[in-house]
Amino acid sequence: MTIHDFTVNTAVPPQYADTSQRFPVAYIAGTSDVHPLMNLLAPRFSESCPPFILTGIDAKDWNTAFSPWPAPKLGKNLGPFSGGAPQFLELLEKEIVPSVEKAYRTIPTPENRSLAGYSLAGLFALYALYNSRLFQRIACISGSLWYPQWTDYVQTHTPAVPVSRLYLSLGDAEKKSHSPVMSSVERCTRLALGSLEPYAPFFETNPGGHFTDVEERIVKGLLFTAAARSKRESGK
């Protein structure tokens, strides 16, 4: 379906055939092609990571929808950024999430909602952690944490909700970008991790650059974020 300028698609796990069950939902910004992802996810569902519904939201203009505030152009095909994330987050909260949770058998609580994103959409997922009370599980996958003033932001803000699961990842060659700003991504990610330390983030590096094994990186982030909390994480 289309909501304003956003394409929204949902894929359900095989277990959805059992009409007595309700399911958590993972929302992923930046793609609406969720059925191939569900095909990769479904064989990996287990007792430690129960099945979930997957909803993808893609934007016509990433540089508007997923950027937290305006920033200048960085290259021929990158920017300028107009800072539309607050408006997209409002749409997500007021229209997209309610529409999905009305149409499907979900468990409509923050503990049972994940929000994930890749690249600039990963930055948006982390931005939502500080500005929305809907999502307690966040996956920032190869996130654009080089974004101007982002490290200052995380050092001066706190999450809007208790954090259940927090996942960040990065390719080990992403810092080799020709852009001086984008090449700071590893340093900026590690600075952000330092600020997020009280919320027990899980961080991993993956082989390759920004466009290596994108689907598999997304699947890993979704599975970690949706997994049941350990006794340590739940404080038991």
Foldseek 3Di string as FASTA:
>chain_A
DDDPQKDKAKDFAPVVVPVVDAFFEEEEEADQPCPVLNVVQRVVADPQFHTHMYMYIHGPDLLEQLAQDFDAAQDDPGDRRHRNPVVNVVCCVPPVVVVVVVVGRHDQAQLRYEYEYAESSLSSQVVCQQPDRRHQFYEREQYQLLPPCNLVVLQPTDGPYQHQAAEYEHEPCALVDPGPSRVCRVVSVVSSCVSCVVNPYDYYYDHDHRPPPVSVSRSVRVRRRSGDGDCVSVVD
